[in-house]
Amino acid sequence: MSIILSLSEHEGSIWAAGPYGLFAVGDEELTPTPQPQERLTAACSLGDRIFTGGAPFGVAYLLDSAEQWQAAWQEGADSAVLTFASAPDYDDSGVILAGSEGDGVLRSRDRGLRWMPSNFGLRNLTVLTLAWAPPMDEDSWPRWQIVFAGTEEGIYRSPNAGLGWKRSESADAAYQTVAVAPDVHCSGLVLAGTEAGGLWRSTDGGRSFDTVEEAPEQVNALLALANGSEGATAGVRGGSAGWLLSDDTQLWSSQDGAAWSPVEGSTPALCMLEMDGRIYVGGENGVTVLNSASLQVERLLQIPPM
């Protein structure tokens, strides 16, 4: 099987991760790659290194120049890592965040070699998802570095690159996916999906969220589209290109994150990634590649038969 829980891209290379292993995403298939985690939950490719999250190592990394995986140093934390999110200015700052199963948010400022808990303001330490907002304009003041964390009981917002957190006004629920509009600093749009409590939408930059009445009750994956699609962008105002959502049966598209329509012929997703005019959908049967303009399936990538 090839269940995919995480998709990561860097400079054209895509990696997929899940309980059955780490895979390089090719044009025709998923190529298995050795990695050290017994329980693999996430992968993140950045520059000259790739990270895996899970257990027993929390975070492990492999450098291009090395032959063996190394366990990253985690100070004051030993939980499995569930998700990664690199800062938009990672090339300069070296900052990466990781959400853990019981130690909250782990923060690295040395490109993932050393991690420390960064939980000031967090009231729940099981972090299921992380999502950065795009950088603010250089002439903005103050020039916040905004990132969101979804936990088992609420959504948290950090204005200072994950150093401190404040709970957003939202219902108590397990928030397992968050997506931020490309134009969030103008539109204020942020979406958050729950395991059983529906979809929540913010129009004030993630400070408060209201329920979306007609959305699916179970939201497993969200994607803010950068390039847009025919089904998701017609009539959009404010510069946002549209959204995709997955419940447990199919994908849904939206112009504004408020009104949703099913995507015909789609399969459900556990994670999604947009790159070069395509949308990569990771789920229980591998990776499905959609055309981002039409949302039509181009191909299905799976582990080749042994």
Protein backbone atom coordinates (compact mmCIF):
# COMPACT_ATOMS: atom_id res chain seq x y z
CA MET A 1 0.00 0.00 0.00
CA SER A 2 1.07 3.65 -0.35
CA ILE A 3 -0.90 5.80 2.11
CA ILE A 4 0.46 9.36 1.90
CA LEU A 5 0.20 11.72 4.87
CA SER A 6 2.68 14.41 3.82
CA LEU A 7 3.90 16.06 0.61
CA SER A 8 6.93 18.36 0.42
CA GLU A 9 8.58 20.19 -2.48
CA HIS A 10 11.89 21.97 -2.92
CA GLU A 11 13.35 23.17 -6.22
CA GLY A 12 11.18 20.85 -8.27
CA SER A 13 11.72 17.68 -6.21
CA ILE A 14 8.69 16.26 -4.42
CA TRP A 15 8.75 13.85 -1.50
CA ALA A 16 5.82 11.87 -0.12
CA ALA A 17 5.69 10.26 3.31
CA GLY A 18 3.35 7.95 5.16
CA PRO A 19 3.20 4.83 7.31
CA TYR A 20 4.60 2.69 4.49
CA GLY A 21 7.68 4.82 3.93
CA LEU A 22 9.33 7.76 2.23
CA PHE A 23 8.99 8.12 -1.54
CA ALA A 24 10.47 10.27 -4.27
CA VAL A 25 7.57 11.41 -6.47
CA GLY A 26 8.42 10.77 -10.12
CA ASP A 27 6.57 11.19 -13.38
CA GLU A 28 5.25 7.63 -13.40
CA GLU A 29 5.58 6.15 -9.91
CA LEU A 30 6.62 6.54 -6.28
CA THR A 31 10.17 5.39 -5.65
CA PRO A 32 10.82 4.06 -2.11
CA THR A 33 13.73 5.69 -0.26
CA PRO A 34 15.29 4.22 2.91
CA GLN A 35 14.69 6.27 6.08
CA PRO A 36 15.05 5.51 9.80
CA GLN A 37 11.62 6.11 11.35
CA GLU A 38 9.58 3.12 12.45
CA ARG A 39 6.46 5.29 12.43
CA LEU A 40 6.79 7.87 9.66
CA THR A 41 4.32 10.77 9.73
CA ALA A 42 5.87 13.65 7.76
CA ALA A 43 8.75 14.67 5.50
CA CYS A 44 10.21 18.05 4.59
CA SER A 45 12.76 18.74 1.84
CA LEU A 46 14.82 21.92 2.18
CA GLY A 47 17.93 22.76 0.21
CA ASP A 48 20.67 20.23 0.88
CA ARG A 49 18.71 18.17 3.40
CA ILE A 50 15.55 16.19 3.93
CA PHE A 51 13.81 15.71 7.27
CA THR A 52 11.50 12.97 8.48
CA GLY A 53 9.15 13.20 11.43
CA GLY A 54 7.80 10.34 13.49
CA ALA A 55 9.16 7.84 15.97
CA PRO A 56 11.48 6.78 17.46
CA PHE A 57 13.69 9.71 16.49
CA GLY A 58 11.27 12.67 16.52
CA VAL A 59 13.19 14.46 13.76
CA ALA A 60 15.80 12.72 11.61
CA TYR A 61 17.69 14.32 8.74
CA LEU A 62 19.86 13.37 5.80
CA LEU A 63 22.34 15.78 4.23
CA ASP A 64 23.21 15.58 0.54
CA SER A 65 26.84 15.20 1.52
CA ALA A 66 26.19 12.33 3.98
CA GLU A 67 25.42 8.65 3.52
CA GLN A 68 23.56 8.03 6.76
CA TRP A 69 20.56 9.57 8.49
CA GLN A 70 21.15 11.43 11.74
CA ALA A 71 18.84 12.02 14.70
CA ALA A 72 18.36 15.75 15.28
CA TRP A 73 18.99 17.15 18.75
CA GLN A 74 15.68 17.79 20.55
CA GLU A 75 16.11 19.63 23.81
CA GLY A 76 13.33 18.96 26.32
CA ALA A 77 11.20 16.99 23.88
CA ASP A 78 10.90 13.34 22.90
CA SER A 79 7.49 13.12 21.21
CA ALA A 80 6.93 12.02 17.64
CA VAL A 81 6.83 14.89 15.14
CA LEU A 82 3.62 15.05 13.11
CA THR A 83 4.16 18.00 10.77
CA PHE A 84 6.81 20.43 9.47
CA ALA A 85 6.60 24.02 8.21
CA SER A 86 9.62 26.01 7.08
CA ALA A 87 9.60 29.80 7.37
CA PRO A 88 9.12 31.74 4.11
CA ASP A 89 12.58 33.26 4.71
CA TYR A 90 14.19 29.92 5.58
CA ASP A 91 17.11 30.51 3.21
CA ASP A 92 18.14 33.50 5.32
CA SER A 93 16.81 32.68 8.80
CA GLY A 94 17.16 28.90 8.90
CA VAL A 95 13.88 28.71 10.86
CA ILE A 96 11.72 25.58 10.70
CA LEU A 97 8.81 24.63 12.95
CA ALA A 98 7.61 21.13 13.77
CA GLY A 99 4.35 20.11 15.43
CA SER A 100 4.71 17.27 17.91
CA GLU A 101 2.46 14.66 19.46
CA GLY A 102 2.86 15.90 23.01
CA ASP A 103 5.62 18.48 23.30
CA GLY A 104 3.93 21.28 21.38
CA VAL A 105 5.78 23.27 18.73
CA LEU A 106 9.46 22.56 18.23
CA ARG A 107 11.50 25.37 16.68
CA SER A 108 14.85 25.22 14.92
CA ARG A 109 16.87 28.24 13.85
CA ASP A 110 19.89 26.32 12.50
CA ARG A 111 18.24 24.60 9.51
CA GLY A 112 16.89 21.69 11.50
CA LEU A 113 19.95 20.39 13.34
CA ARG A 114 18.75 21.39 16.82
CA TRP A 115 15.16 21.78 18.03
CA MET A 116 13.69 23.34 21.17
CA PRO A 117 10.09 23.65 22.41
CA SER A 118 8.53 27.03 21.66
CA ASN A 119 5.21 26.90 23.47
CA PHE A 120 4.68 30.25 25.18
CA GLY A 121 0.90 30.76 25.09
CA LEU A 122 -0.01 27.25 23.92
CA ARG A 123 -2.60 25.48 26.08
CA ASN A 124 -2.50 22.19 24.18
CA LEU A 125 0.72 20.43 23.25
CA THR A 126 -0.55 18.08 20.52
CA VAL A 127 0.05 20.09 17.35
CA LEU A 128 -1.59 18.55 14.28
CA THR A 129 -0.83 21.17 11.64
CA LEU A 130 1.24 24.30 11.00
CA ALA A 131 0.84 26.94 8.28
CA TRP A 132 2.83 30.12 7.59
CA ALA A 133 1.35 33.27 6.15
CA PRO A 134 3.21 34.78 3.17
CA PRO A 135 5.77 37.48 4.07
CA MET A 136 4.44 40.98 4.58
CA ASP A 137 5.57 43.79 2.28
CA GLU A 138 9.03 45.08 3.09
CA ASP A 139 7.66 48.56 3.87
CA SER A 140 5.08 47.19 6.35
CA TRP A 141 5.52 48.13 9.99
CA PRO A 142 5.49 46.19 12.16
CA ARG A 143 6.53 43.45 9.74
CA TRP A 144 5.05 40.43 11.48
CA GLN A 145 6.06 36.86 10.65
CA ILE A 146 2.72 35.10 11.09
CA VAL A 147 2.25 31.36 11.51
CA PHE A 148 -0.70 29.24 12.65
CA ALA A 149 -0.85 26.04 14.69
CA GLY A 150 -3.83 23.70 14.82
CA THR A 151 -4.07 21.67 18.02
CA GLU A 152 -6.46 19.15 19.53
CA GLU A 153 -8.46 21.96 21.15
CA GLY A 154 -8.02 25.14 19.12
CA ILE A 155 -6.21 27.33 16.61
CA TYR A 156 -3.23 29.40 17.69
CA ARG A 157 -1.65 32.38 15.95
CA SER A 158 1.93 33.58 16.31
CA PRO A 159 2.99 37.01 15.01
CA ASN A 160 6.70 36.44 15.68
CA ALA A 161 7.68 33.31 13.72
CA GLY A 162 6.58 30.83 16.37
CA LEU A 163 8.24 32.36 19.42
CA GLY A 164 4.92 33.06 21.15
CA TRP A 165 1.30 32.01 20.56
CA LYS A 166 -2.18 33.35 21.22
CA ARG A 167 -5.34 31.31 20.89
CA SER A 168 -7.66 32.49 18.14
CA GLU A 169 -11.35 32.92 18.86
CA SER A 170 -12.68 29.57 17.68
CA ALA A 171 -14.65 26.59 18.90
CA ASP A 172 -12.99 23.85 20.94
CA ALA A 173 -12.17 21.16 18.38
CA ALA A 174 -9.33 19.13 16.88
CA TYR A 175 -8.02 21.29 14.01
CA GLN A 176 -6.07 19.02 11.69
CA THR A 177 -5.50 21.34 8.74
CA VAL A 178 -5.03 25.11 8.21
CA ALA A 179 -4.60 27.03 4.96
CA VAL A 180 -3.72 30.72 4.50
CA ALA A 181 -4.76 32.81 1.49
CA PRO A 182 -1.89 34.11 -0.67
CA ASP A 183 -3.36 37.60 -0.22
CA VAL A 184 -4.09 37.19 3.51
CA HIS A 185 -2.60 40.58 4.40
CA CYS A 186 -5.33 42.17 2.24
CA SER A 187 -8.23 39.71 2.42
CA GLY A 188 -7.63 38.37 5.92
CA LEU A 189 -8.74 34.89 4.78
CA VAL A 190 -7.60 31.84 6.73
CA LEU A 191 -9.39 28.46 6.76
CA ALA A 192 -9.17 25.73 9.37
CA GLY A 193 -10.61 22.23 9.13
CA THR A 194 -11.60 19.90 11.94
CA GLU A 195 -11.90 16.16 12.37
CA ALA A 196 -15.61 16.23 13.09
CA GLY A 197 -16.62 19.87 13.68
CA GLY A 198 -16.68 21.22 10.15
CA LEU A 199 -14.83 24.06 8.45
CA TRP A 200 -13.97 27.39 10.07
CA ARG A 201 -13.21 30.65 8.26
CA SER A 202 -11.45 33.84 9.33
CA THR A 203 -11.61 37.20 7.59
CA ASP A 204 -9.43 39.07 10.09
CA GLY A 205 -6.10 37.36 9.53
CA GLY A 206 -6.79 34.40 11.79
CA ARG A 207 -7.65 36.26 14.97
CA SER A 208 -11.19 34.85 15.03
CA PHE A 209 -13.02 32.10 13.13
CA ASP A 210 -16.66 31.48 12.26
CA THR A 211 -18.18 28.20 11.15
CA VAL A 212 -18.93 27.66 7.44
CA GLU A 213 -22.48 26.34 7.48
CA GLU A 214 -22.59 24.44 4.17
CA ALA A 215 -19.13 22.87 4.28
CA PRO A 216 -18.42 19.18 5.02
CA GLU A 217 -18.29 18.15 8.67
CA GLN A 218 -14.99 16.28 8.27
CA VAL A 219 -12.12 18.24 6.74
CA ASN A 220 -8.97 16.19 6.20
CA ALA A 221 -7.00 18.55 3.95
CA LEU A 222 -7.08 22.18 2.78
CA LEU A 223 -5.20 23.99 0.03
CA ALA A 224 -5.12 27.70 -0.80
CA LEU A 225 -4.54 27.84 -4.54
CA ALA A 226 -1.82 30.10 -5.82
CA ASN A 227 -2.62 29.75 -9.53
CA GLY A 228 -6.31 29.03 -9.45
CA SER A 229 -8.56 26.76 -11.51
CA GLU A 230 -11.55 27.15 -13.79
CA GLY A 231 -13.81 25.73 -11.10
CA ALA A 232 -12.38 27.71 -8.22
CA THR A 233 -11.62 31.16 -9.51
CA ALA A 234 -14.58 32.43 -11.51
CA GLY A 235 -15.78 35.64 -9.97
CA VAL A 236 -13.16 35.78 -7.25
CA ARG A 237 -12.57 39.19 -5.75
CA GLY A 238 -9.67 40.49 -3.74
CA GLY A 239 -6.92 38.60 -5.54
CA SER A 240 -7.36 35.19 -3.88
CA ALA A 241 -7.18 32.33 -6.38
CA GLY A 242 -9.51 29.85 -4.70
CA TRP A 243 -9.47 26.86 -2.41
CA LEU A 244 -9.63 23.07 -2.32
CA LEU A 245 -10.93 20.95 0.55
CA SER A 246 -11.12 17.22 1.10
CA ASP A 247 -13.53 15.32 3.27
CA ASP A 248 -13.51 11.53 3.59
CA THR A 249 -15.12 10.93 0.18
CA GLN A 250 -14.00 13.57 -2.36
CA LEU A 251 -12.55 17.00 -3.07
CA TRP A 252 -14.49 20.27 -2.94
CA SER A 253 -13.66 23.62 -4.55
CA SER A 254 -14.54 27.17 -3.55
CA GLN A 255 -14.10 30.71 -4.82
CA ASP A 256 -14.05 32.36 -1.42
CA GLY A 257 -13.85 29.62 1.21
CA ALA A 258 -17.53 30.09 2.09
CA ALA A 259 -19.49 28.31 -0.68
CA TRP A 260 -18.27 24.88 -1.76
CA SER A 261 -18.94 22.57 -4.72
CA PRO A 262 -17.87 18.93 -5.15
CA VAL A 263 -15.13 18.18 -7.69
CA GLU A 264 -16.53 15.50 -9.98
CA GLY A 265 -14.52 12.33 -10.28
CA SER A 266 -12.16 13.27 -7.44
CA THR A 267 -10.79 11.04 -4.71
CA PRO A 268 -10.27 12.10 -1.08
CA ALA A 269 -6.99 13.59 0.12
CA LEU A 270 -4.99 13.49 3.31
CA CYS A 271 -2.59 16.18 2.03
CA MET A 272 -2.29 18.42 -1.05
CA LEU A 273 0.49 20.35 -2.78
CA GLU A 274 0.35 22.78 -5.73
CA MET A 275 3.35 23.08 -8.04
CA ASP A 276 3.96 24.09 -11.68
CA GLY A 277 0.33 24.03 -12.78
CA ARG A 278 -0.46 20.75 -11.06
CA ILE A 279 -2.01 19.72 -7.76
CA TYR A 280 -0.57 16.66 -6.07
CA VAL A 281 -3.13 14.87 -3.92
CA GLY A 282 -1.84 12.37 -1.36
CA GLY A 283 -4.27 9.83 -0.02
CA GLU A 284 -4.88 6.18 0.73
CA ASN A 285 -3.91 5.02 -2.78
CA GLY A 286 -0.75 7.00 -3.44
CA VAL A 287 -0.52 10.37 -5.18
CA THR A 288 -3.07 11.59 -7.72
CA VAL A 289 -1.93 14.42 -10.01
CA LEU A 290 -4.56 16.97 -11.07
CA ASN A 291 -4.35 19.74 -13.65
CA SER A 292 -4.68 22.90 -11.56
CA ALA A 293 -6.55 24.75 -14.34
CA SER A 294 -9.29 22.13 -14.80
CA LEU A 295 -8.99 19.94 -11.67
CA GLN A 296 -9.02 16.92 -13.99
CA VAL A 297 -6.96 13.85 -13.08
CA GLU A 298 -3.78 13.46 -15.15
CA ARG A 299 -2.30 10.36 -13.54
CA LEU A 300 -2.07 8.20 -10.43
CA LEU A 301 1.34 7.49 -8.90
CA GLN A 302 1.80 4.38 -6.76
CA ILE A 303 4.57 2.15 -5.50
CA PRO A 304 5.65 -0.12 -8.37
CA PRO A 305 4.88 -3.82 -7.87
CA MET A 306 7.70 -5.86 -6.36
